[in-house]
Amino acid sequence: MINLLSACRLCPRACEVDRTNGVLGFCGADDHVYAARAALHMWEEPPLSGEKGSGTVFFSHCSLGCVYCQNRAVSRRKAAGKPLSRHALADTFLSLQKQGAHNINLVTGAHYVPQIIEALDLAKQLGLTIPIVYNSSGYECVETLRLLEPYVDIYLPDYKYYSSYYAARYSNAPDYREIAVNAITEMVRQSGAPQYGADGMLTRGTIVRHLMLPGLAGDTAQVLRDIALRFGQNVLVSLMQQYTPFDMQRFPELDRTITAEEYQEACSLFSQFGLAGFFQDGGAISESFIPAFDGTGLEGVF
């Protein structure tokens, strides 16, 4: 499995560098797993966080590179984080389960899929039983997702853009929509329609997130329409208004939050298209909702 890192094509960037020789991929990662936080997270969608929290593991680095990323402290090429062995990562999963987590929530882990699979195998041998959530930008290779089919119960992808112009301008990925649609289609194939446990928590399924951006109401409408046409009731949709601007001098059009009117119009479209899922309270628009990426909860290092 680790051989996949020797000419890496795990993500759509397909940079083919030899990460086993210490070369950094487009994402910024070599063959060591880096993570910046593992803790119970109460602000995911209700059937993920529940009353006890989602056991989130925030991995360092990312292959997308959105200019407005709220997790920028861990997503950039020079990201914060601690190196973890496979055993340490497995222990981290087990620790979250012991704390009462409803699930293990793998946040931006595409570039670490081979190591994550090894850690999950170890953790399952040692008693890991709760559902696995794969929390993703949506910019994923179908081939990599297929490696995860025996492991992931719930997919949590973004569908960020309909327009290739915006995808190129804000995420350096003009092919984002094509890639994301194919990825989400594979996720839905694997997970099927949403399923719930007796406690109301999601046990299988796909939740598609869309983060609204300032001035992109038309793009949001296209995204919501496309989700409805392609996936209908086979997915839940999370319409998010938590965009928080920071250092947006190069992108002045993004230097504001979403207005209540913009969000309400999008919610109306959501309902018109017959989508099922979640709206977001305006109180989420705050950097205070961004967790501290200080190594909390990580069970060990190399």
Protein backbone atom coordinates (compact mmCIF):
# COMPACT_ATOMS: atom_id res chain seq x y z
CA MET A 1 0.00 0.00 0.00
CA ILE A 2 2.81 2.45 0.86
CA ASN A 3 4.18 1.85 -2.67
CA LEU A 4 1.42 4.21 -3.79
CA LEU A 5 3.55 7.05 -2.41
CA SER A 6 6.58 6.31 -4.60
CA ALA A 7 5.02 7.95 -7.66
CA CYS A 8 2.09 9.60 -5.97
CA ARG A 9 -1.23 9.91 -7.80
CA LEU A 10 -3.48 9.78 -4.75
CA CYS A 11 -5.11 13.12 -5.56
CA PRO A 12 -6.14 14.75 -8.86
CA ARG A 13 -2.91 16.79 -8.95
CA ALA A 14 -1.13 13.52 -9.88
CA CYS A 15 2.28 15.06 -9.20
CA GLU A 16 3.95 11.59 -9.27
CA VAL A 17 6.76 12.56 -6.89
CA ASP A 18 8.50 9.91 -4.79
CA ARG A 19 7.25 10.81 -1.33
CA THR A 20 9.07 7.79 0.15
CA ASN A 21 12.35 9.61 -0.61
CA GLY A 22 11.35 12.67 1.39
CA VAL A 23 10.13 14.63 -1.64
CA LEU A 24 7.07 16.74 -0.91
CA GLY A 25 4.02 16.29 -3.08
CA PHE A 26 1.89 19.13 -4.41
CA CYS A 27 -0.02 18.79 -1.12
CA GLY A 28 3.12 19.47 0.93
CA ALA A 29 3.39 15.99 2.46
CA ASP A 30 6.11 13.36 2.36
CA ASP A 31 5.51 9.76 3.50
CA HIS A 32 5.02 10.66 7.18
CA VAL A 33 1.53 11.33 8.49
CA TYR A 34 1.17 14.76 10.08
CA ALA A 35 -1.86 15.78 12.10
CA ALA A 36 -2.62 18.86 14.20
CA ARG A 37 -5.57 17.94 16.40
CA ALA A 38 -7.74 15.01 17.49
CA ALA A 39 -10.74 15.85 19.65
CA LEU A 40 -14.49 15.61 20.07
CA HIS A 41 -16.08 18.18 17.76
CA MET A 42 -19.57 19.48 18.54
CA TRP A 43 -20.13 21.64 15.44
CA GLU A 44 -20.51 19.09 12.68
CA GLU A 45 -23.98 18.29 11.28
CA PRO A 46 -26.37 17.08 14.04
CA PRO A 47 -26.39 13.35 13.14
CA LEU A 48 -22.57 13.37 13.18
CA SER A 49 -21.87 15.36 16.35
CA GLY A 50 -24.90 14.28 18.36
CA GLU A 51 -24.58 14.88 22.10
CA LYS A 52 -21.07 13.47 22.57
CA GLY A 53 -19.23 14.84 19.54
CA SER A 54 -17.61 13.63 16.36
CA GLY A 55 -14.08 12.27 16.85
CA THR A 56 -12.27 14.55 14.44
CA VAL A 57 -8.67 14.05 13.36
CA PHE A 58 -7.36 17.10 11.50
CA PHE A 59 -4.61 16.05 9.11
CA SER A 60 -1.96 18.51 7.96
CA HIS A 61 -1.55 19.61 4.33
CA CYS A 62 -4.04 19.65 1.47
CA SER A 63 -4.00 19.19 -2.29
CA LEU A 64 -6.54 21.93 -3.06
CA GLY A 65 -5.29 25.20 -1.57
CA CYS A 66 -8.35 27.47 -1.30
CA VAL A 67 -7.36 31.09 -0.75
CA TYR A 68 -10.00 31.46 1.99
CA CYS A 69 -9.36 28.17 3.85
CA GLN A 70 -10.50 28.44 7.49
CA ASN A 71 -8.06 25.64 8.41
CA ARG A 72 -5.16 27.46 6.78
CA ALA A 73 -2.87 26.83 9.75
CA VAL A 74 -2.81 23.13 8.84
CA SER A 75 -3.66 23.10 5.14
CA ARG A 76 -0.75 25.06 3.69
CA ARG A 77 2.52 23.66 2.44
CA LYS A 78 4.28 24.79 5.62
CA ALA A 79 1.54 23.44 7.84
CA ALA A 80 1.41 22.95 11.58
CA GLY A 81 1.28 19.37 12.79
CA LYS A 82 2.98 16.47 14.50
CA PRO A 83 4.30 13.32 12.79
CA LEU A 84 2.39 10.17 13.71
CA SER A 85 3.30 6.52 13.24
CA ARG A 86 0.58 4.15 12.05
CA HIS A 87 0.35 2.76 15.59
CA ALA A 88 0.03 6.25 17.07
CA LEU A 89 -2.74 7.08 14.61
CA ALA A 90 -4.55 3.84 15.51
CA ASP A 91 -4.19 4.70 19.20
CA THR A 92 -5.63 8.15 18.50
CA PHE A 93 -8.72 6.59 16.90
CA LEU A 94 -9.17 4.28 19.88
CA SER A 95 -8.75 7.15 22.34
CA LEU A 96 -11.52 9.11 20.61
CA GLN A 97 -13.79 6.07 20.76
CA LYS A 98 -13.03 5.70 24.49
CA GLN A 99 -13.98 9.37 25.00
CA GLY A 100 -17.44 8.59 23.61
CA ALA A 101 -17.11 9.83 20.02
CA HIS A 102 -20.02 8.87 17.80
CA ASN A 103 -17.62 8.34 14.88
CA ILE A 104 -14.04 8.85 13.68
CA ASN A 105 -13.96 11.90 11.42
CA LEU A 106 -10.94 11.99 9.06
CA VAL A 107 -10.52 15.61 7.99
CA THR A 108 -8.64 16.14 4.69
CA GLY A 109 -6.81 12.82 4.58
CA ALA A 110 -6.61 12.04 0.85
CA HIS A 111 -2.82 12.34 0.71
CA TYR A 112 -2.51 9.90 3.64
CA VAL A 113 -4.97 7.21 2.50
CA PRO A 114 -2.46 4.30 2.50
CA GLN A 115 -1.31 5.11 6.04
CA ILE A 116 -4.88 5.73 7.23
CA ILE A 117 -5.93 2.31 5.94
CA GLU A 118 -3.06 0.65 7.81
CA ALA A 119 -3.99 2.54 11.00
CA LEU A 120 -7.65 1.59 10.64
CA ASP A 121 -6.72 -2.08 10.21
CA LEU A 122 -4.67 -1.89 13.42
CA ALA A 123 -7.39 -0.04 15.31
CA LYS A 124 -10.11 -2.47 14.24
CA GLN A 125 -7.99 -5.37 15.47
CA LEU A 126 -7.79 -3.59 18.83
CA GLY A 127 -11.52 -2.89 19.12
CA LEU A 128 -12.48 0.11 16.96
CA THR A 129 -16.18 -0.27 16.12
CA ILE A 130 -17.67 3.19 15.55
CA PRO A 131 -18.41 4.51 12.01
CA ILE A 132 -15.67 6.12 9.93
CA VAL A 133 -16.35 9.51 8.34
CA TYR A 134 -14.25 10.72 5.40
CA ASN A 135 -14.35 14.54 5.48
CA SER A 136 -13.17 15.88 2.15
CA SER A 137 -12.81 18.91 -0.11
CA GLY A 138 -14.49 16.89 -2.85
CA TYR A 139 -11.33 17.12 -4.94
CA GLU A 140 -10.64 13.39 -4.94
CA CYS A 141 -9.52 10.60 -7.25
CA VAL A 142 -12.10 7.88 -7.76
CA GLU A 143 -9.29 5.28 -7.67
CA THR A 144 -8.22 6.46 -4.22
CA LEU A 145 -11.82 6.43 -2.97
CA ARG A 146 -12.18 2.82 -4.07
CA LEU A 147 -9.35 1.88 -1.72
CA LEU A 148 -11.50 3.24 1.10
CA GLU A 149 -14.67 1.30 0.27
CA PRO A 150 -14.16 -1.40 2.95
CA TYR A 151 -13.38 1.25 5.58
CA VAL A 152 -15.56 4.35 5.21
CA ASP A 153 -19.18 4.40 6.35
CA ILE A 154 -20.03 8.07 5.87
CA TYR A 155 -18.69 10.48 3.26
CA LEU A 156 -18.66 14.22 3.96
CA PRO A 157 -17.47 15.94 0.75
CA ASP A 158 -17.65 19.57 -0.28
CA TYR A 159 -19.17 20.65 -3.58
CA LYS A 160 -17.51 24.06 -3.69
CA TYR A 161 -18.02 25.44 -7.20
CA TYR A 162 -20.03 24.98 -10.34
CA SER A 163 -17.99 27.52 -12.33
CA SER A 164 -14.50 26.60 -13.52
CA TYR A 165 -13.61 30.31 -13.35
CA TYR A 166 -14.23 30.54 -9.62
CA ALA A 167 -12.61 27.15 -9.03
CA ALA A 168 -9.46 28.36 -10.79
CA ARG A 169 -9.42 31.78 -9.13
CA TYR A 170 -10.00 30.64 -5.57
CA SER A 171 -8.65 27.06 -5.49
CA ASN A 172 -6.26 26.79 -8.47
CA ALA A 173 -8.40 23.90 -9.76
CA PRO A 174 -10.35 24.74 -12.92
CA ASP A 175 -11.32 21.07 -13.17
CA TYR A 176 -12.88 21.10 -9.69
CA ARG A 177 -16.51 20.51 -10.68
CA GLU A 178 -15.80 17.56 -12.98
CA ILE A 179 -13.53 15.96 -10.38
CA ALA A 180 -15.94 16.58 -7.49
CA VAL A 181 -19.00 15.28 -9.33
CA ASN A 182 -17.21 12.05 -10.22
CA ALA A 183 -15.92 11.71 -6.65
CA ILE A 184 -19.31 12.31 -5.04
CA THR A 185 -20.91 9.86 -7.45
CA GLU A 186 -18.44 7.21 -6.28
CA MET A 187 -19.05 8.12 -2.63
CA VAL A 188 -22.81 7.74 -3.06
CA ARG A 189 -22.33 4.43 -4.86
CA GLN A 190 -20.36 3.13 -1.90
CA SER A 191 -22.48 4.50 0.94
CA GLY A 192 -25.99 4.29 -0.48
CA ALA A 193 -28.83 6.42 0.85
CA PRO A 194 -28.59 7.76 4.42
CA GLN A 195 -29.08 5.24 7.22
CA TYR A 196 -29.55 6.00 10.91
CA GLY A 197 -29.08 4.13 14.16
CA ALA A 198 -31.69 3.83 16.90
CA ASP A 199 -30.17 6.94 18.52
CA GLY A 200 -30.72 9.05 15.39
CA MET A 201 -27.03 9.17 14.50
CA LEU A 202 -26.01 8.65 10.89
CA THR A 203 -24.44 5.22 10.36
CA ARG A 204 -24.05 5.27 6.56
CA GLY A 205 -24.54 7.79 3.80
CA THR A 206 -23.16 10.90 2.14
CA ILE A 207 -23.58 14.50 3.29
CA VAL A 208 -22.61 17.04 0.61
CA ARG A 209 -21.48 20.39 2.00
CA HIS A 210 -21.62 23.68 0.16
CA LEU A 211 -19.95 26.74 1.67
CA MET A 212 -21.47 29.94 0.30
CA LEU A 213 -18.99 32.60 -0.81
CA PRO A 214 -19.69 36.34 -1.12
CA GLY A 215 -21.12 37.35 -4.47
CA LEU A 216 -21.44 33.78 -5.73
CA ALA A 217 -25.19 33.35 -5.23
CA GLY A 218 -25.60 32.27 -8.84
CA ASP A 219 -22.92 29.63 -8.47
CA THR A 220 -24.57 28.37 -5.27
CA ALA A 221 -27.87 28.04 -7.14
CA GLN A 222 -26.17 25.98 -9.86
CA VAL A 223 -24.50 23.73 -7.28
CA LEU A 224 -27.76 23.08 -5.42
CA ARG A 225 -29.63 22.39 -8.66
CA ASP A 226 -26.93 19.99 -9.81
CA ILE A 227 -26.96 18.07 -6.52
CA ALA A 228 -30.75 17.75 -6.71
CA LEU A 229 -30.69 16.51 -10.31
CA ARG A 230 -27.82 14.06 -9.85
CA PHE A 231 -28.35 12.68 -6.37
CA GLY A 232 -31.82 13.65 -5.12
CA GLN A 233 -32.71 11.96 -1.84
CA ASN A 234 -29.63 9.72 -1.96
CA VAL A 235 -27.65 12.47 -0.22
CA LEU A 236 -28.12 14.96 2.56
CA VAL A 237 -27.00 18.53 1.85
CA SER A 238 -25.43 20.95 4.32
CA LEU A 239 -25.76 24.59 3.25
CA MET A 240 -23.11 26.57 5.11
CA GLN A 241 -22.87 30.32 5.73
CA GLN A 242 -19.84 30.28 8.04
CA TYR A 243 -17.40 31.88 5.58
CA THR A 244 -15.05 34.13 7.54
CA PRO A 245 -12.75 36.52 5.59
CA PHE A 246 -9.09 36.98 6.52
CA ASP A 247 -6.26 38.83 4.75
CA MET A 248 -8.33 39.14 1.58
CA GLN A 249 -6.45 42.10 0.09
CA ARG A 250 -5.78 40.14 -3.11
CA PHE A 251 -9.43 39.12 -3.32
CA PRO A 252 -11.40 42.16 -2.13
CA GLU A 253 -14.65 40.66 -3.44
CA LEU A 254 -14.33 38.01 -0.71
CA ASP A 255 -13.65 40.48 2.09
CA ARG A 256 -17.07 40.23 3.74
CA THR A 257 -19.37 37.65 5.27
CA ILE A 258 -22.56 36.23 3.76
CA THR A 259 -25.58 38.45 4.37
CA ALA A 260 -28.74 37.11 5.98
CA GLU A 261 -30.63 37.90 2.75
CA GLU A 262 -28.17 35.92 0.60
CA TYR A 263 -28.41 32.93 2.88
CA GLN A 264 -32.20 33.07 3.07
CA GLU A 265 -32.48 33.13 -0.73
CA ALA A 266 -30.22 30.07 -0.96
CA CYS A 267 -32.31 28.29 1.70
CA SER A 268 -35.41 28.97 -0.39
CA LEU A 269 -33.77 27.42 -3.45
CA PHE A 270 -32.69 24.46 -1.32
CA SER A 271 -36.33 23.83 -0.45
CA GLN A 272 -37.58 24.45 -4.01
CA PHE A 273 -35.17 21.82 -5.32
CA GLY A 274 -36.50 19.27 -2.82
CA LEU A 275 -33.19 18.80 -1.05
CA ALA A 276 -32.94 17.26 2.40
CA GLY A 277 -30.34 18.21 4.96
CA PHE A 278 -29.17 21.04 7.13
CA PHE A 279 -29.15 24.81 7.41
CA GLN A 280 -26.61 26.66 9.54
CA ASP A 281 -27.20 29.13 12.35
CA GLY A 282 -25.72 32.58 11.80
CA GLY A 283 -23.71 32.24 15.00
CA ALA A 284 -21.28 29.96 13.15
CA ILE A 285 -19.81 32.99 11.38
CA SER A 286 -16.87 33.43 13.70
CA GLU A 287 -13.23 32.47 13.82
CA SER A 288 -13.94 31.23 17.35
CA PHE A 289 -15.38 28.13 15.68
CA ILE A 290 -11.97 27.31 14.20
CA PRO A 291 -10.30 24.85 16.60
CA ALA A 292 -6.82 25.23 18.03
CA PHE A 293 -4.38 23.22 15.94
CA ASP A 294 -1.97 22.60 18.80
CA GLY A 295 -1.58 18.83 18.78
CA THR A 296 -4.44 18.25 21.19
CA GLY A 297 -5.44 14.58 21.52
CA LEU A 298 -2.70 13.04 19.39
CA GLU A 299 -1.59 9.84 21.10
CA GLY A 300 2.02 9.64 19.98
CA VAL A 301 4.69 10.69 17.51
CA PHE A 302 7.52 9.04 15.65
